[in-house]
Amino acid sequence: MNILINAKQLRASLPKIVERVRKGAQFTVLYRSRPAFRIVPVNGVPASEASLVRPYTLTAGRTKASVEFPLEAPVQTLQSAMFHRWPLNDVRGRIVQLCVKSPSVAEISARLNLPLGVTRVLVGDLARPG
């Protein structure tokens, strides 16, 4: 179901719109009476299945990445990383799997439903030698 709204309505009702998108609604936002962009649900982990683990526990409280990557930098998995056995549901293993297709740091964050800062730290850890 695609719903047309204007930018003013979006600003005024953002929390309600986010909730409706999580339930499957799609919005086309008009700017100056022309379609500007669409808001659609993210494919992947539904909001009801999001991790209950606090983000800082994934990085042991660290906020600085050991290797800095720009948000748009493509990240690719090396063949040697594919043979490492990660514990079940380990986010690092999911990052390694995603990086076979060379997504950007921002894409990894969105697909895994992780805060961007946490993703940068984890990707930096994986990129660091050793």
N, C-alpha and C. Protein backbone atom coordinates (compact mmCIF):
# COMPACT_ATOMS: atom_id res chain seq x y z
N MET A 1 0.85 -1.16 0.00
CA MET A 1 0.00 0.00 0.00
C MET A 1 0.90 1.24 0.00
N ASN A 2 0.81 2.05 -1.03
CA ASN A 2 1.63 3.25 -1.17
C ASN A 2 0.79 4.48 -0.82
N ILE A 3 1.29 5.27 0.11
CA ILE A 3 0.56 6.44 0.59
C ILE A 3 1.34 7.69 0.23
N LEU A 4 0.66 8.70 -0.34
CA LEU A 4 1.29 9.97 -0.69
C LEU A 4 1.19 10.93 0.48
N ILE A 5 2.34 11.52 0.86
CA ILE A 5 2.36 12.56 1.88
C ILE A 5 3.31 13.65 1.43
N ASN A 6 3.16 14.84 1.98
CA ASN A 6 4.11 15.89 1.64
C ASN A 6 5.15 16.03 2.75
N ALA A 7 6.18 16.81 2.50
CA ALA A 7 7.29 16.94 3.45
C ALA A 7 6.82 17.49 4.79
N LYS A 8 5.86 18.40 4.77
CA LYS A 8 5.34 18.97 6.01
C LYS A 8 4.66 17.90 6.86
N GLN A 9 3.87 17.03 6.21
CA GLN A 9 3.22 15.93 6.93
C GLN A 9 4.26 14.96 7.50
N LEU A 10 5.32 14.73 6.74
CA LEU A 10 6.38 13.84 7.19
C LEU A 10 7.01 14.37 8.48
N ARG A 11 7.36 15.65 8.48
CA ARG A 11 7.97 16.25 9.67
C ARG A 11 7.03 16.20 10.87
N ALA A 12 5.76 16.46 10.64
CA ALA A 12 4.80 16.53 11.73
C ALA A 12 4.45 15.16 12.31
N SER A 13 4.56 14.11 11.50
CA SER A 13 4.09 12.79 11.93
C SER A 13 5.14 11.70 11.84
N LEU A 14 6.41 12.05 11.91
CA LEU A 14 7.46 11.06 11.69
C LEU A 14 7.35 9.81 12.57
N PRO A 15 7.17 9.93 13.88
CA PRO A 15 7.08 8.70 14.69
C PRO A 15 5.94 7.77 14.26
N LYS A 16 4.79 8.34 13.92
CA LYS A 16 3.66 7.52 13.48
C LYS A 16 3.95 6.87 12.13
N ILE A 17 4.62 7.61 11.25
CA ILE A 17 4.96 7.07 9.93
C ILE A 17 5.95 5.93 10.06
N VAL A 18 6.95 6.10 10.93
CA VAL A 18 7.94 5.03 11.16
C VAL A 18 7.23 3.77 11.63
N GLU A 19 6.30 3.91 12.54
CA GLU A 19 5.57 2.75 13.06
C GLU A 19 4.77 2.07 11.94
N ARG A 20 4.15 2.85 11.09
CA ARG A 20 3.38 2.27 9.98
C ARG A 20 4.29 1.58 8.97
N VAL A 21 5.47 2.15 8.73
CA VAL A 21 6.43 1.52 7.80
C VAL A 21 6.89 0.19 8.38
N ARG A 22 7.14 0.15 9.67
CA ARG A 22 7.54 -1.12 10.32
C ARG A 22 6.49 -2.19 10.14
N LYS A 23 5.23 -1.78 9.99
CA LYS A 23 4.14 -2.74 9.80
C LYS A 23 3.90 -3.04 8.32
N GLY A 24 4.71 -2.43 7.43
CA GLY A 24 4.61 -2.76 6.01
C GLY A 24 4.12 -1.66 5.09
N ALA A 25 3.70 -0.52 5.62
CA ALA A 25 3.21 0.57 4.77
C ALA A 25 4.37 1.20 3.99
N GLN A 26 4.06 1.75 2.83
CA GLN A 26 5.04 2.45 2.01
C GLN A 26 4.53 3.86 1.74
N PHE A 27 5.45 4.82 1.78
CA PHE A 27 5.09 6.22 1.57
C PHE A 27 5.90 6.80 0.43
N THR A 28 5.27 7.65 -0.36
CA THR A 28 5.96 8.47 -1.33
C THR A 28 5.85 9.90 -0.83
N VAL A 29 6.98 10.54 -0.64
CA VAL A 29 7.00 11.90 -0.09
C VAL A 29 7.09 12.90 -1.24
N LEU A 30 6.17 13.84 -1.24
CA LEU A 30 6.14 14.88 -2.25
C LEU A 30 6.85 16.13 -1.75
N TYR A 31 7.63 16.73 -2.61
CA TYR A 31 8.28 18.01 -2.30
C TYR A 31 7.97 18.93 -3.45
N ARG A 32 7.34 20.04 -3.14
CA ARG A 32 6.88 20.99 -4.16
C ARG A 32 6.00 20.29 -5.20
N SER A 33 5.11 19.48 -4.69
CA SER A 33 4.10 18.75 -5.48
C SER A 33 4.66 17.70 -6.43
N ARG A 34 5.91 17.33 -6.25
CA ARG A 34 6.51 16.28 -7.08
C ARG A 34 7.08 15.19 -6.18
N PRO A 35 7.01 13.94 -6.62
CA PRO A 35 7.61 12.86 -5.82
C PRO A 35 9.10 13.10 -5.61
N ALA A 36 9.53 13.06 -4.36
CA ALA A 36 10.94 13.30 -4.04
C ALA A 36 11.64 12.00 -3.65
N PHE A 37 11.00 11.19 -2.82
CA PHE A 37 11.59 9.92 -2.41
C PHE A 37 10.52 9.03 -1.80
N ARG A 38 10.88 7.76 -1.62
CA ARG A 38 9.96 6.78 -1.04
C ARG A 38 10.50 6.31 0.30
N ILE A 39 9.60 5.99 1.19
CA ILE A 39 9.94 5.37 2.46
C ILE A 39 9.33 3.98 2.44
N VAL A 40 10.19 2.97 2.51
CA VAL A 40 9.73 1.58 2.43
C VAL A 40 10.36 0.79 3.58
N PRO A 41 9.74 -0.32 3.95
CA PRO A 41 10.32 -1.16 5.00
C PRO A 41 11.66 -1.74 4.55
N VAL A 42 12.56 -1.93 5.50
CA VAL A 42 13.85 -2.53 5.21
C VAL A 42 13.66 -4.03 5.12
N ASN A 43 14.17 -4.63 4.05
CA ASN A 43 14.14 -6.08 3.94
C ASN A 43 15.22 -6.64 4.84
N GLY A 44 14.93 -7.71 5.49
CA GLY A 44 15.92 -8.30 6.38
C GLY A 44 15.30 -8.59 7.72
N VAL A 45 15.92 -8.12 8.78
CA VAL A 45 15.46 -8.42 10.13
C VAL A 45 14.24 -7.56 10.46
N PRO A 46 13.09 -8.18 10.71
CA PRO A 46 11.93 -7.41 11.12
C PRO A 46 12.18 -6.74 12.47
N ALA A 47 11.51 -5.65 12.73
CA ALA A 47 11.71 -4.91 13.98
C ALA A 47 11.45 -5.79 15.19
N SER A 48 10.52 -6.74 15.08
CA SER A 48 10.20 -7.60 16.21
C SER A 48 11.32 -8.58 16.54
N GLU A 49 12.22 -8.82 15.58
CA GLU A 49 13.32 -9.75 15.79
C GLU A 49 14.65 -9.04 16.01
N ALA A 50 14.63 -7.76 16.21
CA ALA A 50 15.87 -7.01 16.42
C ALA A 50 16.57 -7.50 17.68
N SER A 51 17.86 -7.40 17.69
CA SER A 51 18.67 -7.87 18.81
C SER A 51 18.36 -7.07 20.07
N LEU A 52 18.31 -7.78 21.19
CA LEU A 52 18.10 -7.12 22.47
C LEU A 52 19.43 -6.82 23.16
N VAL A 53 20.55 -7.13 22.51
CA VAL A 53 21.87 -6.88 23.06
C VAL A 53 22.18 -5.39 22.93
N ARG A 54 22.65 -4.79 24.00
CA ARG A 54 23.03 -3.38 23.95
C ARG A 54 24.23 -3.21 23.03
N PRO A 55 24.20 -2.20 22.16
CA PRO A 55 25.28 -2.04 21.18
C PRO A 55 26.68 -1.95 21.80
N TYR A 56 26.81 -1.30 22.96
CA TYR A 56 28.16 -1.14 23.54
C TYR A 56 28.75 -2.47 23.98
N THR A 57 27.91 -3.49 24.20
CA THR A 57 28.46 -4.79 24.58
C THR A 57 29.13 -5.47 23.39
N LEU A 58 28.69 -5.14 22.18
CA LEU A 58 29.31 -5.73 20.98
C LEU A 58 30.72 -5.19 20.75
N THR A 59 30.98 -3.99 21.24
CA THR A 59 32.29 -3.37 21.02
C THR A 59 33.10 -3.25 22.31
N ALA A 60 32.63 -3.88 23.37
CA ALA A 60 33.27 -3.79 24.69
C ALA A 60 33.39 -2.33 25.14
N GLY A 61 32.41 -1.52 24.81
CA GLY A 61 32.39 -0.13 25.24
C GLY A 61 33.21 0.82 24.38
N ARG A 62 33.91 0.29 23.37
CA ARG A 62 34.75 1.16 22.54
C ARG A 62 33.89 1.95 21.55
N THR A 63 34.31 3.17 21.29
CA THR A 63 33.60 4.01 20.32
C THR A 63 34.48 4.40 19.15
N LYS A 64 35.78 4.15 19.23
CA LYS A 64 36.73 4.47 18.16
C LYS A 64 37.09 3.20 17.42
N ALA A 65 37.04 3.26 16.10
CA ALA A 65 37.44 2.11 15.28
C ALA A 65 38.96 2.04 15.20
N SER A 66 39.48 0.82 15.17
CA SER A 66 40.93 0.65 15.06
C SER A 66 41.42 1.01 13.66
N VAL A 67 40.54 0.86 12.67
CA VAL A 67 40.82 1.27 11.29
C VAL A 67 39.63 2.11 10.85
N GLU A 68 39.87 3.34 10.44
CA GLU A 68 38.79 4.25 10.03
C GLU A 68 38.40 4.02 8.58
N PHE A 69 37.11 3.87 8.33
CA PHE A 69 36.57 3.74 6.98
C PHE A 69 35.55 4.84 6.74
N PRO A 70 35.54 5.44 5.56
CA PRO A 70 34.44 6.36 5.23
C PRO A 70 33.14 5.55 5.14
N LEU A 71 32.02 6.20 5.35
CA LEU A 71 30.72 5.52 5.33
C LEU A 71 30.45 4.84 3.99
N GLU A 72 30.92 5.46 2.91
CA GLU A 72 30.63 4.93 1.58
C GLU A 72 31.68 3.94 1.10
N ALA A 73 32.67 3.63 1.93
CA ALA A 73 33.75 2.73 1.53
C ALA A 73 33.23 1.30 1.36
N PRO A 74 33.47 0.68 0.19
CA PRO A 74 33.06 -0.72 0.04
C PRO A 74 34.00 -1.62 0.84
N VAL A 75 33.43 -2.63 1.45
CA VAL A 75 34.19 -3.56 2.28
C VAL A 75 34.04 -4.95 1.66
N GLN A 76 35.15 -5.63 1.45
CA GLN A 76 35.09 -6.94 0.81
C GLN A 76 35.76 -7.99 1.69
N THR A 77 35.18 -9.16 1.74
CA THR A 77 35.71 -10.27 2.51
C THR A 77 36.83 -10.95 1.74
N LEU A 78 37.92 -11.24 2.44
CA LEU A 78 39.00 -12.03 1.85
C LEU A 78 38.63 -13.50 1.92
N GLN A 79 39.16 -14.29 1.01
CA GLN A 79 38.88 -15.72 1.00
C GLN A 79 39.24 -16.37 2.33
N SER A 80 40.35 -15.97 2.92
CA SER A 80 40.80 -16.58 4.17
C SER A 80 39.79 -16.38 5.31
N ALA A 81 39.05 -15.29 5.28
CA ALA A 81 38.07 -15.01 6.34
C ALA A 81 36.85 -15.93 6.26
N MET A 82 36.59 -16.47 5.09
CA MET A 82 35.42 -17.33 4.91
C MET A 82 35.55 -18.66 5.65
N PHE A 83 36.77 -19.06 5.98
CA PHE A 83 36.99 -20.34 6.62
C PHE A 83 36.95 -20.26 8.14
N HIS A 84 36.92 -19.05 8.68
CA HIS A 84 36.86 -18.88 10.14
C HIS A 84 35.47 -19.30 10.63
N ARG A 85 35.41 -20.03 11.72
CA ARG A 85 34.13 -20.44 12.29
C ARG A 85 33.73 -19.48 13.41
N TRP A 86 32.70 -18.71 13.15
CA TRP A 86 32.20 -17.76 14.14
C TRP A 86 31.15 -18.45 15.00
N PRO A 87 31.04 -18.08 16.28
CA PRO A 87 29.95 -18.63 17.10
C PRO A 87 28.60 -18.28 16.48
N LEU A 88 27.62 -19.12 16.73
CA LEU A 88 26.28 -18.92 16.20
C LEU A 88 25.76 -17.54 16.62
N ASN A 89 25.17 -16.82 15.68
CA ASN A 89 24.61 -15.47 15.90
C ASN A 89 25.64 -14.41 16.23
N ASP A 90 26.91 -14.66 15.95
CA ASP A 90 27.95 -13.65 16.16
C ASP A 90 27.85 -12.62 15.04
N VAL A 91 27.72 -11.36 15.40
CA VAL A 91 27.53 -10.30 14.41
C VAL A 91 28.74 -10.19 13.47
N ARG A 92 29.93 -10.50 13.97
CA ARG A 92 31.12 -10.43 13.11
C ARG A 92 31.03 -11.44 11.97
N GLY A 93 30.50 -12.61 12.24
CA GLY A 93 30.31 -13.61 11.19
C GLY A 93 29.31 -13.14 10.15
N ARG A 94 28.26 -12.45 10.59
CA ARG A 94 27.28 -11.92 9.66
C ARG A 94 27.88 -10.81 8.81
N ILE A 95 28.77 -10.00 9.40
CA ILE A 95 29.46 -8.95 8.63
C ILE A 95 30.33 -9.59 7.54
N VAL A 96 31.08 -10.63 7.91
CA VAL A 96 31.94 -11.32 6.94
C VAL A 96 31.10 -11.88 5.79
N GLN A 97 29.96 -12.47 6.09
CA GLN A 97 29.09 -13.01 5.04
C GLN A 97 28.56 -11.90 4.14
N LEU A 98 28.14 -10.79 4.72
CA LEU A 98 27.62 -9.67 3.93
C LEU A 98 28.69 -9.09 3.00
N CYS A 99 29.93 -9.07 3.45
CA CYS A 99 31.00 -8.40 2.72
C CYS A 99 31.47 -9.18 1.49
N VAL A 100 30.91 -10.34 1.24
CA VAL A 100 31.21 -11.08 0.01
C VAL A 100 30.75 -10.24 -1.19
N LYS A 101 29.67 -9.47 -1.00
CA LYS A 101 29.11 -8.66 -2.09
C LYS A 101 29.60 -7.21 -2.06
N SER A 102 30.61 -6.91 -1.26
CA SER A 102 31.23 -5.57 -1.16
C SER A 102 30.26 -4.43 -0.83
N PRO A 103 29.51 -4.54 0.26
CA PRO A 103 28.64 -3.41 0.63
C PRO A 103 29.45 -2.30 1.28
N SER A 104 28.87 -1.12 1.38
CA SER A 104 29.54 -0.03 2.09
C SER A 104 29.33 -0.22 3.60
N VAL A 105 30.07 0.53 4.38
CA VAL A 105 29.93 0.48 5.84
C VAL A 105 28.50 0.86 6.23
N ALA A 106 27.95 1.86 5.57
CA ALA A 106 26.58 2.29 5.86
C ALA A 106 25.57 1.19 5.53
N GLU A 107 25.78 0.48 4.43
CA GLU A 107 24.88 -0.62 4.06
C GLU A 107 24.94 -1.75 5.08
N ILE A 108 26.13 -2.06 5.55
CA ILE A 108 26.28 -3.11 6.56
C ILE A 108 25.48 -2.73 7.81
N SER A 109 25.62 -1.48 8.22
CA SER A 109 24.90 -0.98 9.39
C SER A 109 23.39 -1.13 9.21
N ALA A 110 22.89 -0.74 8.05
CA ALA A 110 21.45 -0.81 7.79
C ALA A 110 20.96 -2.24 7.70
N ARG A 111 21.69 -3.08 7.02
CA ARG A 111 21.24 -4.47 6.84
C ARG A 111 21.26 -5.27 8.13
N LEU A 112 22.17 -4.95 9.02
CA LEU A 112 22.25 -5.68 10.29
C LEU A 112 21.50 -4.97 11.41
N ASN A 113 20.90 -3.83 11.09
CA ASN A 113 20.14 -3.07 12.08
C ASN A 113 21.00 -2.71 13.29
N LEU A 114 22.22 -2.24 12.98
CA LEU A 114 23.18 -1.84 14.02
C LEU A 114 23.45 -0.34 13.93
N PRO A 115 23.74 0.30 15.04
CA PRO A 115 24.15 1.70 14.97
C PRO A 115 25.43 1.84 14.14
N LEU A 116 25.54 2.93 13.43
CA LEU A 116 26.67 3.14 12.54
C LEU A 116 28.01 3.12 13.28
N GLY A 117 28.07 3.71 14.45
CA GLY A 117 29.31 3.73 15.23
C GLY A 117 29.75 2.33 15.62
N VAL A 118 28.81 1.49 16.00
CA VAL A 118 29.12 0.10 16.36
C VAL A 118 29.63 -0.64 15.13
N THR A 119 28.99 -0.43 14.00
CA THR A 119 29.40 -1.09 12.76
C THR A 119 30.82 -0.68 12.38
N ARG A 120 31.13 0.60 12.52
CA ARG A 120 32.48 1.07 12.18
C ARG A 120 33.54 0.39 13.06
N VAL A 121 33.25 0.25 14.35
CA VAL A 121 34.21 -0.40 15.26
C VAL A 121 34.38 -1.86 14.88
N LEU A 122 33.28 -2.57 14.63
CA LEU A 122 33.36 -3.99 14.30
C LEU A 122 34.05 -4.23 12.97
N VAL A 123 33.74 -3.43 11.95
CA VAL A 123 34.40 -3.58 10.65
C VAL A 123 35.89 -3.25 10.79
N GLY A 124 36.20 -2.22 11.57
CA GLY A 124 37.60 -1.88 11.81
C GLY A 124 38.36 -3.01 12.48
N ASP A 125 37.71 -3.68 13.45
CA ASP A 125 38.34 -4.82 14.12
C ASP A 125 38.60 -5.96 13.13
N LEU A 126 37.64 -6.21 12.25
CA LEU A 126 37.80 -7.29 11.28
C LEU A 126 38.85 -6.98 10.23
N ALA A 127 39.03 -5.70 9.94
CA ALA A 127 40.01 -5.30 8.91
C ALA A 127 41.43 -5.26 9.45
N ARG A 128 41.57 -5.14 10.75
CA ARG A 128 42.88 -5.06 11.38
C ARG A 128 43.60 -6.39 11.24
N PRO A 129 44.88 -6.37 10.87
CA PRO A 129 45.61 -7.64 10.75
C PRO A 129 45.75 -8.34 12.09
N GLY A 130 45.68 -9.67 12.03
CA GLY A 130 45.84 -10.47 13.25
C GLY A 130 44.55 -10.67 13.87
